[in-house]
Amino acid sequence: MTVALRGRARIDLREDLAQRYDAGASIRTLATQEHRSYGFTRTLLLEAGVELRPRHHRAPTNQPPTQPPTGYGRSHA
C-alpha cells in the first residue's frame, strides 16, 4: 500500500510527472514507474494543468515513432 501524498510532496510529484508527460511519457508508464495507479497519476497530471493527449496516439507500425503532437501538454493560462 502506498502512502497518501499531501502538501509539498504532492506538489513535487505532480510537477515531476507533468514534466515527464510533456516530454512524451505515457500515463501508464508514469504510473508504473511511481508505483501508483493510473487514475491517481492522471489526477495529478490534471491538477498540474496538463492537457492530456488523445488515447491511442500511436504511430503506424511501419513508421518510426514521432514526437507527441504540438498543442498538448501543460496549459499556460
C-alpha atoms as a PDB file:
ATOM      1  CA  MET A   1       0.000   0.000   0.000  1.00  0.00           C
ATOM      2  CA  THR A   2       1.297   3.473  -0.850  1.00  0.00           C
ATOM      3  CA  VAL A   3       1.150   6.431   1.491  1.00  0.00           C
ATOM      4  CA  ALA A   4      -1.210   9.299   0.686  1.00  0.00           C
ATOM      5  CA  LEU A   5       0.579  12.351  -0.682  1.00  0.00           C
ATOM      6  CA  ARG A   6      -0.195  15.720   0.789  1.00  0.00           C
ATOM      7  CA  GLY A   7       1.339  19.151   0.774  1.00  0.00           C
ATOM      8  CA  ARG A   8       4.771  19.722  -0.733  1.00  0.00           C
ATOM      9  CA  ALA A   9       5.331  16.044  -1.607  1.00  0.00           C
ATOM     10  CA  ARG A  10       2.167  16.009  -3.730  1.00  0.00           C
ATOM     11  CA  ILE A  11       3.098  19.259  -5.466  1.00  0.00           C
ATOM     12  CA  ASP A  12       6.614  18.000  -6.192  1.00  0.00           C
ATOM     13  CA  LEU A  13       5.358  14.697  -7.619  1.00  0.00           C
ATOM     14  CA  ARG A  14       2.728  16.298  -9.839  1.00  0.00           C
ATOM     15  CA  GLU A  15       5.259  18.780 -11.244  1.00  0.00           C
ATOM     16  CA  ASP A  16       7.713  15.957 -11.938  1.00  0.00           C
ATOM     17  CA  LEU A  17       5.003  13.849 -13.588  1.00  0.00           C
ATOM     18  CA  ALA A  18       3.874  16.831 -15.692  1.00  0.00           C
ATOM     19  CA  GLN A  19       7.412  17.419 -16.982  1.00  0.00           C
ATOM     20  CA  ARG A  20       7.849  13.757 -17.883  1.00  0.00           C
ATOM     21  CA  TYR A  21       4.404  13.585 -19.524  1.00  0.00           C
ATOM     22  CA  ASP A  22       5.171  16.738 -21.527  1.00  0.00           C
ATOM     23  CA  ALA A  23       8.399  15.042 -22.650  1.00  0.00           C
ATOM     24  CA  GLY A  24       6.361  12.166 -24.101  1.00  0.00           C
ATOM     25  CA  ALA A  25       5.925   9.567 -21.345  1.00  0.00           C
ATOM     26  CA  SER A  26       2.528   7.873 -21.161  1.00  0.00           C
ATOM     27  CA  ILE A  27       0.305   7.962 -18.096  1.00  0.00           C
ATOM     28  CA  ARG A  28       0.619   4.171 -17.831  1.00  0.00           C
ATOM     29  CA  THR A  29       4.437   4.390 -17.881  1.00  0.00           C
ATOM     30  CA  LEU A  30       4.486   7.142 -15.252  1.00  0.00           C
ATOM     31  CA  ALA A  31       2.093   5.217 -13.016  1.00  0.00           C
ATOM     32  CA  THR A  32       4.217   2.079 -13.256  1.00  0.00           C
ATOM     33  CA  GLN A  33       7.450   3.963 -12.547  1.00  0.00           C
ATOM     34  CA  GLU A  34       5.960   5.670  -9.490  1.00  0.00           C
ATOM     35  CA  HIS A  35       4.127   2.557  -8.210  1.00  0.00           C
ATOM     36  CA  ARG A  36       0.842   4.462  -8.348  1.00  0.00           C
ATOM     37  CA  SER A  37      -2.465   3.722 -10.021  1.00  0.00           C
ATOM     38  CA  TYR A  38      -3.296   5.001 -13.480  1.00  0.00           C
ATOM     39  CA  GLY A  39      -6.202   7.024 -12.034  1.00  0.00           C
ATOM     40  CA  PHE A  40      -4.101   8.698  -9.351  1.00  0.00           C
ATOM     41  CA  THR A  41      -1.379   9.556 -11.860  1.00  0.00           C
ATOM     42  CA  ARG A  42      -3.967  11.003 -14.256  1.00  0.00           C
ATOM     43  CA  THR A  43      -5.475  13.060 -11.419  1.00  0.00           C
ATOM     44  CA  LEU A  44      -2.079  14.548 -10.540  1.00  0.00           C
ATOM     45  CA  LEU A  45      -1.467  15.460 -14.188  1.00  0.00           C
ATOM     46  CA  LEU A  46      -4.828  17.217 -14.355  1.00  0.00           C
ATOM     47  CA  GLU A  47      -4.073  19.043 -11.088  1.00  0.00           C
ATOM     48  CA  ALA A  48      -0.823  20.236 -12.699  1.00  0.00           C
ATOM     49  CA  GLY A  49      -2.798  21.741 -15.594  1.00  0.00           C
ATOM     50  CA  VAL A  50      -1.669  19.227 -18.213  1.00  0.00           C
ATOM     51  CA  GLU A  51      -3.844  18.861 -21.306  1.00  0.00           C
ATOM     52  CA  LEU A  52      -3.946  15.121 -21.853  1.00  0.00           C
ATOM     53  CA  ARG A  53      -3.107  13.659 -25.240  1.00  0.00           C
ATOM     54  CA  PRO A  54      -5.792  11.674 -27.057  1.00  0.00           C
ATOM     55  CA  ARG A  55      -5.924   7.996 -26.198  1.00  0.00           C
ATOM     56  CA  HIS A  56      -4.302   5.518 -28.565  1.00  0.00           C
ATOM     57  CA  HIS A  57      -1.942   8.100 -30.015  1.00  0.00           C
ATOM     58  CA  ARG A  58       0.463   5.756 -31.737  1.00  0.00           C
ATOM     59  CA  ALA A  59       2.404   5.918 -34.963  1.00  0.00           C
ATOM     60  CA  PRO A  60       1.587   3.315 -37.628  1.00  0.00           C
ATOM     61  CA  THR A  61       3.720   0.210 -37.147  1.00  0.00           C
ATOM     62  CA  ASN A  62       5.545   0.675 -40.464  1.00  0.00           C
ATOM     63  CA  GLN A  63       6.859   4.112 -39.465  1.00  0.00           C
ATOM     64  CA  PRO A  64       9.244   5.161 -36.683  1.00  0.00           C
ATOM     65  CA  PRO A  65       7.710   6.787 -33.573  1.00  0.00           C
ATOM     66  CA  THR A  66       7.221  10.544 -33.713  1.00  0.00           C
ATOM     67  CA  GLN A  67       7.118  13.280 -31.129  1.00  0.00           C
ATOM     68  CA  PRO A  68       3.737  13.935 -29.468  1.00  0.00           C
ATOM     69  CA  PRO A  69       1.635  16.405 -31.462  1.00  0.00           C
ATOM     70  CA  THR A  70       2.066  20.050 -30.579  1.00  0.00           C
ATOM     71  CA  GLY A  71      -0.717  21.728 -28.682  1.00  0.00           C
ATOM     72  CA  TYR A  72      -0.816  19.118 -25.918  1.00  0.00           C
ATOM     73  CA  GLY A  73       0.850  19.438 -22.558  1.00  0.00           C
ATOM     74  CA  ARG A  74       0.561  21.981 -19.818  1.00  0.00           C
ATOM     75  CA  SER A  75      -1.749  24.900 -20.414  1.00  0.00           C
ATOM     76  CA  HIS A  76      -0.090  28.205 -19.635  1.00  0.00           C
ATOM     77  CA  ALA A  77      -3.196  30.225 -18.895  1.00  0.00           C
END
